[in-house]
All heavy atoms as atom14 arrays in JSON, in Angstrom:
{
  "sequence": "ALHLPEADIDSAVLAAAGEGPFELMVDVGVGQGRMIQLFADRVRRA",
  "atom14_mask": [
    [1, 1, 1, 1, 1, 0, 0, 0, 0, 0, 0, 0, 0, 0],
    [1, 1, 1, 1, 1, 1, 1, 1, 0, 0, 0, 0, 0, 0],
    [1, 1, 1, 1, 1, 1, 1, 1, 1, 1, 0, 0, 0, 0],
    [1, 1, 1, 1, 1, 1, 1, 1, 0, 0, 0, 0, 0, 0],
    [1, 1, 1, 1, 1, 1, 1, 0, 0, 0, 0, 0, 0, 0],
    [1, 1, 1, 1, 1, 1, 1, 1, 1, 0, 0, 0, 0, 0],
    [1, 1, 1, 1, 1, 0, 0, 0, 0, 0, 0, 0, 0, 0],
    [1, 1, 1, 1, 1, 1, 1, 1, 0, 0, 0, 0, 0, 0],
    [1, 1, 1, 1, 1, 1, 1, 1, 0, 0, 0, 0, 0, 0],
    [1, 1, 1, 1, 1, 1, 1, 1, 0, 0, 0, 0, 0, 0],
    [1, 1, 1, 1, 1, 1, 0, 0, 0, 0, 0, 0, 0, 0],
    [1, 1, 1, 1, 1, 0, 0, 0, 0, 0, 0, 0, 0, 0],
    [1, 1, 1, 1, 1, 1, 1, 0, 0, 0, 0, 0, 0, 0],
    [1, 1, 1, 1, 1, 1, 1, 1, 0, 0, 0, 0, 0, 0],
    [1, 1, 1, 1, 1, 0, 0, 0, 0, 0, 0, 0, 0, 0],
    [1, 1, 1, 1, 1, 0, 0, 0, 0, 0, 0, 0, 0, 0],
    [1, 1, 1, 1, 1, 0, 0, 0, 0, 0, 0, 0, 0, 0],
    [1, 1, 1, 1, 0, 0, 0, 0, 0, 0, 0, 0, 0, 0],
    [1, 1, 1, 1, 1, 1, 1, 1, 1, 0, 0, 0, 0, 0],
    [1, 1, 1, 1, 0, 0, 0, 0, 0, 0, 0, 0, 0, 0],
    [1, 1, 1, 1, 1, 1, 1, 0, 0, 0, 0, 0, 0, 0],
    [1, 1, 1, 1, 1, 1, 1, 1, 1, 1, 1, 0, 0, 0],
    [1, 1, 1, 1, 1, 1, 1, 1, 1, 0, 0, 0, 0, 0],
    [1, 1, 1, 1, 1, 1, 1, 1, 0, 0, 0, 0, 0, 0],
    [1, 1, 1, 1, 1, 1, 1, 1, 0, 0, 0, 0, 0, 0],
    [1, 1, 1, 1, 1, 1, 1, 0, 0, 0, 0, 0, 0, 0],
    [1, 1, 1, 1, 1, 1, 1, 1, 0, 0, 0, 0, 0, 0],
    [1, 1, 1, 1, 1, 1, 1, 0, 0, 0, 0, 0, 0, 0],
    [1, 1, 1, 1, 0, 0, 0, 0, 0, 0, 0, 0, 0, 0],
    [1, 1, 1, 1, 1, 1, 1, 0, 0, 0, 0, 0, 0, 0],
    [1, 1, 1, 1, 0, 0, 0, 0, 0, 0, 0, 0, 0, 0],
    [1, 1, 1, 1, 1, 1, 1, 1, 1, 0, 0, 0, 0, 0],
    [1, 1, 1, 1, 0, 0, 0, 0, 0, 0, 0, 0, 0, 0],
    [1, 1, 1, 1, 1, 1, 1, 1, 1, 1, 1, 0, 0, 0],
    [1, 1, 1, 1, 1, 1, 1, 1, 0, 0, 0, 0, 0, 0],
    [1, 1, 1, 1, 1, 1, 1, 1, 0, 0, 0, 0, 0, 0],
    [1, 1, 1, 1, 1, 1, 1, 1, 1, 0, 0, 0, 0, 0],
    [1, 1, 1, 1, 1, 1, 1, 1, 0, 0, 0, 0, 0, 0],
    [1, 1, 1, 1, 1, 1, 1, 1, 1, 1, 1, 0, 0, 0],
    [1, 1, 1, 1, 1, 0, 0, 0, 0, 0, 0, 0, 0, 0],
    [1, 1, 1, 1, 1, 1, 1, 1, 0, 0, 0, 0, 0, 0],
    [1, 1, 1, 1, 1, 1, 1, 1, 1, 1, 1, 0, 0, 0],
    [1, 1, 1, 1, 1, 1, 1, 0, 0, 0, 0, 0, 0, 0],
    [1, 1, 1, 1, 1, 1, 1, 1, 1, 1, 1, 0, 0, 0],
    [1, 1, 1, 1, 1, 1, 1, 1, 1, 1, 1, 0, 0, 0],
    [1, 1, 1, 1, 1, 0, 0, 0, 0, 0, 0, 0, 0, 0]
  ],
  "atom14_positions": [
    [[4.62, 15.53, 5.36], [3.91, 15.87, 6.63], [3.35, 17.3, 6.58], [2.37, 17.53, 7.4], [4.9, 15.76, 7.81], [0.0, 0.0, 0.0], [0.0, 0.0, 0.0], [0.0, 0.0, 0.0], [0.0, 0.0, 0.0], [0.0, 0.0, 0.0], [0.0, 0.0, 0.0], [0.0, 0.0, 0.0], [0.0, 0.0, 0.0], [0.0, 0.0, 0.0]],
    [[3.65, 18.07, 5.67], [3.13, 19.43, 5.58], [1.61, 19.35, 5.12], [0.9, 20.21, 5.43], [3.95, 20.19, 4.54], [5.35, 20.58, 4.88], [6.02, 21.29, 3.67], [5.38, 21.44, 6.14], [0.0, 0.0, 0.0], [0.0, 0.0, 0.0], [0.0, 0.0, 0.0], [0.0, 0.0, 0.0], [0.0, 0.0, 0.0], [0.0, 0.0, 0.0]],
    [[1.31, 18.26, 4.33], [-0.01, 18.28, 3.81], [-0.73, 16.95, 3.75], [-1.61, 16.69, 3.09], [0.05, 18.82, 2.35], [1.07, 18.16, 1.49], [0.92, 16.88, 0.96], [2.3, 18.57, 1.03], [1.98, 16.6, 0.27], [2.87, 17.58, 0.28], [0.0, 0.0, 0.0], [0.0, 0.0, 0.0], [0.0, 0.0, 0.0], [0.0, 0.0, 0.0]],
    [[-0.25, 15.97, 4.49], [-0.88, 14.64, 4.52], [-1.01, 14.09, 5.89], [-0.1, 13.78, 6.59], [0.06, 13.68, 3.64], [-0.58, 12.33, 3.52], [-1.87, 12.3, 2.74], [0.41, 11.37, 2.87], [0.0, 0.0, 0.0], [0.0, 0.0, 0.0], [0.0, 0.0, 0.0], [0.0, 0.0, 0.0], [0.0, 0.0, 0.0], [0.0, 0.0, 0.0]],
    [[-2.33, 14.05, 6.37], [-2.48, 13.44, 7.71], [-2.21, 11.93, 7.64], [-2.77, 11.26, 6.85], [-4.03, 13.74, 8.04], [-4.57, 13.96, 6.65], [-3.47, 14.58, 5.78], [0.0, 0.0, 0.0], [0.0, 0.0, 0.0], [0.0, 0.0, 0.0], [0.0, 0.0, 0.0], [0.0, 0.0, 0.0], [0.0, 0.0, 0.0], [0.0, 0.0, 0.0]],
    [[-1.46, 11.46, 8.6], [-1.01, 10.14, 8.55], [-1.84, 9.09, 9.19], [-1.89, 7.92, 8.89], [0.4, 9.99, 9.15], [1.48, 10.81, 8.42], [1.79, 10.26, 7.1], [1.48, 9.11, 6.78], [2.4, 10.96, 6.24], [0.0, 0.0, 0.0], [0.0, 0.0, 0.0], [0.0, 0.0, 0.0], [0.0, 0.0, 0.0], [0.0, 0.0, 0.0]],
    [[-2.62, 9.56, 10.37], [-3.38, 8.62, 11.13], [-4.38, 7.84, 10.29], [-5.2, 8.48, 9.65], [-4.01, 9.43, 12.28], [0.0, 0.0, 0.0], [0.0, 0.0, 0.0], [0.0, 0.0, 0.0], [0.0, 0.0, 0.0], [0.0, 0.0, 0.0], [0.0, 0.0, 0.0], [0.0, 0.0, 0.0], [0.0, 0.0, 0.0], [0.0, 0.0, 0.0]],
    [[-4.36, 6.53, 10.47], [-5.41, 5.65, 9.99], [-5.34, 5.52, 8.35], [-6.13, 4.76, 7.84], [-6.77, 6.01, 10.35], [-6.94, 6.01, 11.81], [-6.34, 5.23, 12.49], [-7.74, 6.93, 12.35], [0.0, 0.0, 0.0], [0.0, 0.0, 0.0], [0.0, 0.0, 0.0], [0.0, 0.0, 0.0], [0.0, 0.0, 0.0], [0.0, 0.0, 0.0]],
    [[-4.42, 6.17, 7.69], [-4.48, 6.14, 6.24], [-4.09, 4.76, 5.72], [-4.72, 4.14, 4.85], [-3.55, 7.19, 5.62], [-4.17, 8.61, 5.85], [-3.39, 7.01, 4.08], [-3.35, 9.78, 5.4], [0.0, 0.0, 0.0], [0.0, 0.0, 0.0], [0.0, 0.0, 0.0], [0.0, 0.0, 0.0], [0.0, 0.0, 0.0], [0.0, 0.0, 0.0]],
    [[-2.97, 4.25, 6.32], [-2.55, 2.94, 5.86], [-3.59, 1.86, 6.04], [-3.83, 0.98, 5.09], [-1.28, 2.54, 6.59], [0.01, 3.28, 6.2], [-0.19, 4.04, 5.22], [1.02, 3.13, 6.78], [0.0, 0.0, 0.0], [0.0, 0.0, 0.0], [0.0, 0.0, 0.0], [0.0, 0.0, 0.0], [0.0, 0.0, 0.0], [0.0, 0.0, 0.0]],
    [[-4.23, 1.84, 7.24], [-5.25, 0.81, 7.4], [-6.42, 0.96, 6.44], [-7.02, 0.01, 5.94], [-5.75, 0.89, 8.84], [-6.32, 2.05, 9.13], [0.0, 0.0, 0.0], [0.0, 0.0, 0.0], [0.0, 0.0, 0.0], [0.0, 0.0, 0.0], [0.0, 0.0, 0.0], [0.0, 0.0, 0.0], [0.0, 0.0, 0.0], [0.0, 0.0, 0.0]],
    [[-6.77, 2.31, 6.19], [-7.94, 2.56, 5.21], [-7.49, 2.13, 3.79], [-8.31, 1.58, 3.04], [-8.25, 4.01, 5.25], [0.0, 0.0, 0.0], [0.0, 0.0, 0.0], [0.0, 0.0, 0.0], [0.0, 0.0, 0.0], [0.0, 0.0, 0.0], [0.0, 0.0, 0.0], [0.0, 0.0, 0.0], [0.0, 0.0, 0.0], [0.0, 0.0, 0.0]],
    [[-6.33, 2.3, 3.42], [-5.81, 1.83, 2.05], [-5.88, 0.31, 1.99], [-6.31, -0.23, 0.98], [-4.36, 2.4, 1.79], [-3.8, 1.71, 0.57], [-4.34, 3.92, 1.72], [0.0, 0.0, 0.0], [0.0, 0.0, 0.0], [0.0, 0.0, 0.0], [0.0, 0.0, 0.0], [0.0, 0.0, 0.0], [0.0, 0.0, 0.0], [0.0, 0.0, 0.0]],
    [[-5.43, -0.33, 2.99], [-5.44, -1.78, 3.07], [-6.89, -2.27, 2.93], [-7.21, -3.26, 2.27], [-4.75, -2.31, 4.31], [-3.25, -2.17, 4.37], [-2.78, -2.51, 5.79], [-2.54, -3.04, 3.28], [0.0, 0.0, 0.0], [0.0, 0.0, 0.0], [0.0, 0.0, 0.0], [0.0, 0.0, 0.0], [0.0, 0.0, 0.0], [0.0, 0.0, 0.0]],
    [[-7.81, -1.67, 3.64], [-9.21, -2.1, 3.64], [-9.82, -1.83, 2.28], [-10.6, -2.68, 1.8], [-9.94, -1.27, 4.67], [0.0, 0.0, 0.0], [0.0, 0.0, 0.0], [0.0, 0.0, 0.0], [0.0, 0.0, 0.0], [0.0, 0.0, 0.0], [0.0, 0.0, 0.0], [0.0, 0.0, 0.0], [0.0, 0.0, 0.0], [0.0, 0.0, 0.0]],
    [[-9.43, -0.72, 1.63], [-9.93, -0.46, 0.32], [-9.45, -1.49, -0.74], [-10.18, -1.79, -1.68], [-9.58, 0.97, -0.12], [0.0, 0.0, 0.0], [0.0, 0.0, 0.0], [0.0, 0.0, 0.0], [0.0, 0.0, 0.0], [0.0, 0.0, 0.0], [0.0, 0.0, 0.0], [0.0, 0.0, 0.0], [0.0, 0.0, 0.0], [0.0, 0.0, 0.0]],
    [[-8.22, -1.93, -0.56], [-7.69, -2.91, -1.49], [-8.27, -4.31, -1.31], [-8.41, -5.02, -2.3], [-6.13, -2.96, -1.39], [0.0, 0.0, 0.0], [0.0, 0.0, 0.0], [0.0, 0.0, 0.0], [0.0, 0.0, 0.0], [0.0, 0.0, 0.0], [0.0, 0.0, 0.0], [0.0, 0.0, 0.0], [0.0, 0.0, 0.0], [0.0, 0.0, 0.0]],
    [[-8.57, -4.67, -0.11], [-9.1, -5.99, 0.17], [-7.96, -6.89, 0.65], [-6.76, -6.59, 0.61], [0.0, 0.0, 0.0], [0.0, 0.0, 0.0], [0.0, 0.0, 0.0], [0.0, 0.0, 0.0], [0.0, 0.0, 0.0], [0.0, 0.0, 0.0], [0.0, 0.0, 0.0], [0.0, 0.0, 0.0], [0.0, 0.0, 0.0], [0.0, 0.0, 0.0]],
    [[-8.35, -8.07, 1.1], [-7.36, -9.0, 1.73], [-6.37, -9.51, 0.87], [-5.28, -9.94, 1.23], [-8.14, -10.04, 2.48], [-9.06, -9.58, 3.7], [-8.16, -9.07, 4.79], [-6.97, -9.55, 4.96], [-8.57, -8.1, 5.44], [0.0, 0.0, 0.0], [0.0, 0.0, 0.0], [0.0, 0.0, 0.0], [0.0, 0.0, 0.0], [0.0, 0.0, 0.0]],
    [[-6.73, -9.7, -0.46], [-5.79, -10.38, -1.38], [-5.93, -11.95, -1.09], [-6.99, -12.38, -0.77], [0.0, 0.0, 0.0], [0.0, 0.0, 0.0], [0.0, 0.0, 0.0], [0.0, 0.0, 0.0], [0.0, 0.0, 0.0], [0.0, 0.0, 0.0], [0.0, 0.0, 0.0], [0.0, 0.0, 0.0], [0.0, 0.0, 0.0], [0.0, 0.0, 0.0]],
    [[-4.88, -12.68, -1.25], [-3.54, -12.21, -1.66], [-3.49, -11.81, -3.14], [-4.26, -12.24, -3.92], [-2.62, -13.38, -1.33], [-3.56, -14.5, -1.65], [-4.9, -14.13, -1.06], [0.0, 0.0, 0.0], [0.0, 0.0, 0.0], [0.0, 0.0, 0.0], [0.0, 0.0, 0.0], [0.0, 0.0, 0.0], [0.0, 0.0, 0.0], [0.0, 0.0, 0.0]],
    [[-2.45, -10.96, -3.58], [-2.32, -10.47, -4.82], [-1.07, -11.03, -5.52], [-0.02, -10.97, -4.86], [-2.26, -8.92, -4.83], [-3.38, -8.26, -4.2], [-3.3, -7.72, -2.89], [-4.63, -8.11, -4.85], [-4.43, -7.18, -2.29], [-5.73, -7.5, -4.25], [-5.59, -7.04, -2.94], [0.0, 0.0, 0.0], [0.0, 0.0, 0.0], [0.0, 0.0, 0.0]],
    [[-1.26, -11.61, -6.66], [-0.12, -12.2, -7.43], [0.88, -11.13, -7.79], [2.05, -11.23, -7.58], [-0.57, -12.97, -8.6], [0.53, -13.72, -9.37], [1.12, -14.82, -8.67], [0.44, -15.36, -7.73], [2.22, -15.25, -8.99], [0.0, 0.0, 0.0], [0.0, 0.0, 0.0], [0.0, 0.0, 0.0], [0.0, 0.0, 0.0], [0.0, 0.0, 0.0]],
    [[0.41, -10.08, -8.29], [1.19, -8.91, -8.85], [0.6, -7.58, -8.41], [-0.5, -7.29, -8.83], [1.49, -9.03, -10.34], [2.26, -7.77, -10.9], [3.7, -7.73, -10.29], [2.28, -7.89, -12.43], [0.0, 0.0, 0.0], [0.0, 0.0, 0.0], [0.0, 0.0, 0.0], [0.0, 0.0, 0.0], [0.0, 0.0, 0.0], [0.0, 0.0, 0.0]],
    [[1.37, -6.85, -7.76], [1.04, -5.43, -7.4], [1.83, -4.49, -8.24], [3.06, -4.73, -8.33], [1.16, -5.1, -6.02], [1.08, -3.7, -5.57], [1.73, -3.34, -3.96], [1.43, -1.54, -3.75], [0.0, 0.0, 0.0], [0.0, 0.0, 0.0], [0.0, 0.0, 0.0], [0.0, 0.0, 0.0], [0.0, 0.0, 0.0], [0.0, 0.0, 0.0]],
    [[1.23, -3.48, -8.78], [1.92, -2.4, -9.5], [1.67, -1.03, -8.8], [0.55, -0.67, -8.57], [1.6, -2.37, -11.02], [2.22, -1.09, -11.64], [1.96, -3.6, -11.72], [0.0, 0.0, 0.0], [0.0, 0.0, 0.0], [0.0, 0.0, 0.0], [0.0, 0.0, 0.0], [0.0, 0.0, 0.0], [0.0, 0.0, 0.0], [0.0, 0.0, 0.0]],
    [[2.67, -0.33, -8.45], [2.55, 0.97, -7.83], [3.05, 2.01, -8.83], [4.2, 2.15, -9.24], [3.44, 1.03, -6.53], [3.21, 2.3, -5.74], [2.03, 2.84, -5.74], [4.11, 2.78, -5.07], [0.0, 0.0, 0.0], [0.0, 0.0, 0.0], [0.0, 0.0, 0.0], [0.0, 0.0, 0.0], [0.0, 0.0, 0.0], [0.0, 0.0, 0.0]],
    [[2.11, 2.93, -9.18], [2.38, 4.05, -10.09], [2.95, 5.26, -9.32], [2.41, 5.78, -8.41], [1.05, 4.44, -10.84], [1.37, 5.64, -11.73], [0.47, 3.28, -11.52], [0.0, 0.0, 0.0], [0.0, 0.0, 0.0], [0.0, 0.0, 0.0], [0.0, 0.0, 0.0], [0.0, 0.0, 0.0], [0.0, 0.0, 0.0], [0.0, 0.0, 0.0]],
    [[4.14, 5.64, -9.68], [4.86, 6.68, -8.98], [5.32, 6.28, -7.65], [4.85, 6.74, -6.59], [0.0, 0.0, 0.0], [0.0, 0.0, 0.0], [0.0, 0.0, 0.0], [0.0, 0.0, 0.0], [0.0, 0.0, 0.0], [0.0, 0.0, 0.0], [0.0, 0.0, 0.0], [0.0, 0.0, 0.0], [0.0, 0.0, 0.0], [0.0, 0.0, 0.0]],
    [[6.24, 5.31, -7.63], [6.57, 4.54, -6.47], [7.13, 5.45, -5.26], [6.96, 5.09, -4.1], [7.49, 3.41, -6.75], [8.87, 3.9, -7.13], [7.56, 2.37, -5.63], [0.0, 0.0, 0.0], [0.0, 0.0, 0.0], [0.0, 0.0, 0.0], [0.0, 0.0, 0.0], [0.0, 0.0, 0.0], [0.0, 0.0, 0.0], [0.0, 0.0, 0.0]],
    [[7.67, 6.58, -5.56], [8.17, 7.38, -4.52], [9.24, 6.64, -3.73], [10.14, 6.08, -4.25], [0.0, 0.0, 0.0], [0.0, 0.0, 0.0], [0.0, 0.0, 0.0], [0.0, 0.0, 0.0], [0.0, 0.0, 0.0], [0.0, 0.0, 0.0], [0.0, 0.0, 0.0], [0.0, 0.0, 0.0], [0.0, 0.0, 0.0], [0.0, 0.0, 0.0]],
    [[9.02, 6.6, -2.4], [9.95, 5.97, -1.53], [9.61, 4.43, -1.36], [10.28, 3.74, -0.61], [9.92, 6.55, -0.16], [10.54, 8.02, -0.16], [10.46, 8.57, 1.3], [9.4, 8.61, 1.89], [11.6, 9.02, 1.73], [0.0, 0.0, 0.0], [0.0, 0.0, 0.0], [0.0, 0.0, 0.0], [0.0, 0.0, 0.0], [0.0, 0.0, 0.0]],
    [[8.58, 3.97, -2.03], [8.24, 2.53, -1.94], [7.29, 2.27, -0.84], [7.1, 1.16, -0.39], [0.0, 0.0, 0.0], [0.0, 0.0, 0.0], [0.0, 0.0, 0.0], [0.0, 0.0, 0.0], [0.0, 0.0, 0.0], [0.0, 0.0, 0.0], [0.0, 0.0, 0.0], [0.0, 0.0, 0.0], [0.0, 0.0, 0.0], [0.0, 0.0, 0.0]],
    [[6.59, 3.38, -0.32], [5.74, 3.21, 0.87], [4.61, 2.22, 0.65], [4.23, 1.38, 1.45], [5.21, 4.55, 1.26], [4.33, 4.49, 2.51], [4.12, 5.99, 2.99], [3.16, 5.97, 4.09], [1.86, 6.46, 3.96], [1.5, 6.87, 2.79], [1.1, 6.43, 4.97], [0.0, 0.0, 0.0], [0.0, 0.0, 0.0], [0.0, 0.0, 0.0]],
    [[3.94, 2.29, -0.58], [2.85, 1.42, -0.87], [3.27, -0.07, -0.98], [2.58, -0.96, -0.49], [2.14, 1.85, -2.09], [1.21, 3.06, -2.01], [-0.2, 2.85, -0.86], [0.42, 3.67, 0.61], [0.0, 0.0, 0.0], [0.0, 0.0, 0.0], [0.0, 0.0, 0.0], [0.0, 0.0, 0.0], [0.0, 0.0, 0.0], [0.0, 0.0, 0.0]],
    [[4.43, -0.26, -1.57], [4.94, -1.72, -1.69], [5.22, -2.24, -0.27], [4.89, -3.44, 0.06], [6.14, -1.75, -2.59], [5.68, -1.43, -4.05], [6.79, -3.12, -2.54], [6.86, -1.38, -5.01], [0.0, 0.0, 0.0], [0.0, 0.0, 0.0], [0.0, 0.0, 0.0], [0.0, 0.0, 0.0], [0.0, 0.0, 0.0], [0.0, 0.0, 0.0]],
    [[5.82, -1.42, 0.58], [6.05, -1.88, 1.95], [4.74, -2.14, 2.65], [4.64, -3.19, 3.36], [6.8, -0.75, 2.7], [8.23, -0.61, 2.28], [8.84, 0.58, 3.03], [8.33, 1.6, 3.2], [10.19, 0.4, 3.25], [0.0, 0.0, 0.0], [0.0, 0.0, 0.0], [0.0, 0.0, 0.0], [0.0, 0.0, 0.0], [0.0, 0.0, 0.0]],
    [[3.75, -1.31, 2.42], [2.43, -1.54, 3.07], [1.76, -2.82, 2.73], [1.21, -3.5, 3.56], [1.52, -0.41, 2.74], [0.07, -0.37, 3.37], [0.17, -0.3, 4.85], [-0.69, 0.78, 2.79], [0.0, 0.0, 0.0], [0.0, 0.0, 0.0], [0.0, 0.0, 0.0], [0.0, 0.0, 0.0], [0.0, 0.0, 0.0], [0.0, 0.0, 0.0]],
    [[1.98, -3.25, 1.52], [1.32, -4.48, 0.92], [2.23, -5.71, 0.96], [1.97, -6.66, 0.34], [0.73, -4.28, -0.44], [-0.55, -3.38, -0.48], [-0.51, -2.03, -0.58], [-1.78, -4.02, -0.33], [-1.61, -1.3, -0.61], [-2.96, -3.34, -0.37], [-2.87, -1.99, -0.52], [0.0, 0.0, 0.0], [0.0, 0.0, 0.0], [0.0, 0.0, 0.0]],
    [[3.39, -5.53, 1.55], [4.38, -6.56, 1.42], [3.85, -7.98, 1.8], [4.27, -8.98, 1.19], [5.64, -6.26, 2.23], [0.0, 0.0, 0.0], [0.0, 0.0, 0.0], [0.0, 0.0, 0.0], [0.0, 0.0, 0.0], [0.0, 0.0, 0.0], [0.0, 0.0, 0.0], [0.0, 0.0, 0.0], [0.0, 0.0, 0.0], [0.0, 0.0, 0.0]],
    [[3.08, -8.02, 2.86], [2.58, -9.38, 3.25], [1.35, -9.76, 2.48], [0.77, -10.81, 2.82], [2.37, -9.45, 4.83], [1.34, -8.41, 5.26], [0.85, -7.65, 4.35], [0.95, -8.39, 6.44], [0.0, 0.0, 0.0], [0.0, 0.0, 0.0], [0.0, 0.0, 0.0], [0.0, 0.0, 0.0], [0.0, 0.0, 0.0], [0.0, 0.0, 0.0]],
    [[0.85, -9.06, 1.51], [-0.32, -9.48, 0.8], [-0.08, -9.7, -0.62], [-0.92, -10.06, -1.38], [-1.43, -8.35, 0.86], [-1.94, -8.05, 2.3], [-3.17, -7.26, 2.34], [-3.56, -6.89, 3.64], [-4.66, -6.22, 3.92], [-5.58, -5.91, 3.0], [-4.97, -5.93, 5.21], [0.0, 0.0, 0.0], [0.0, 0.0, 0.0], [0.0, 0.0, 0.0]],
    [[1.24, -9.48, -1.1], [1.45, -9.63, -2.54], [2.65, -10.68, -2.63], [3.52, -10.76, -1.83], [1.98, -8.33, -3.14], [0.83, -7.25, -3.03], [3.23, -7.77, -2.58], [0.0, 0.0, 0.0], [0.0, 0.0, 0.0], [0.0, 0.0, 0.0], [0.0, 0.0, 0.0], [0.0, 0.0, 0.0], [0.0, 0.0, 0.0], [0.0, 0.0, 0.0]],
    [[2.58, -11.35, -3.7], [3.56, -12.27, -4.08], [4.78, -11.69, -4.81], [5.99, -11.92, -4.59], [3.1, -13.5, -4.91], [4.21, -14.46, -5.29], [3.57, -15.71, -6.02], [4.64, -16.65, -6.36], [4.36, -17.7, -7.04], [3.16, -18.03, -7.46], [5.34, -18.56, -7.29], [0.0, 0.0, 0.0], [0.0, 0.0, 0.0], [0.0, 0.0, 0.0]],
    [[4.39, -10.67, -5.53], [5.41, -9.9, -6.35], [4.85, -8.39, -6.48], [3.74, -8.18, -6.67], [5.58, -10.48, -7.69], [6.7, -9.97, -8.55], [7.07, -10.87, -9.64], [6.0, -11.25, -10.5], [5.7, -10.63, -11.62], [6.51, -9.57, -12.03], [4.73, -10.94, -12.43], [0.0, 0.0, 0.0], [0.0, 0.0, 0.0], [0.0, 0.0, 0.0]],
    [[5.79, -7.47, -6.39], [5.42, -6.02, -6.48], [6.35, -5.34, -7.39], [7.58, -5.54, -7.33], [5.46, -5.37, -5.08], [0.0, 0.0, 0.0], [0.0, 0.0, 0.0], [0.0, 0.0, 0.0], [0.0, 0.0, 0.0], [0.0, 0.0, 0.0], [0.0, 0.0, 0.0], [0.0, 0.0, 0.0], [0.0, 0.0, 0.0], [0.0, 0.0, 0.0]]
  ]
}
């Protein structure tokens, strides 16, 4: 939160990725798993 504005970022990321669905998603530097959670309903496997 010190350096990342949160508003609208998730929706913009989803829009950039496209609707999918995606058979396999790979997240580089998974951290807390935020990206996998974001795409949970668009991927079959992450």
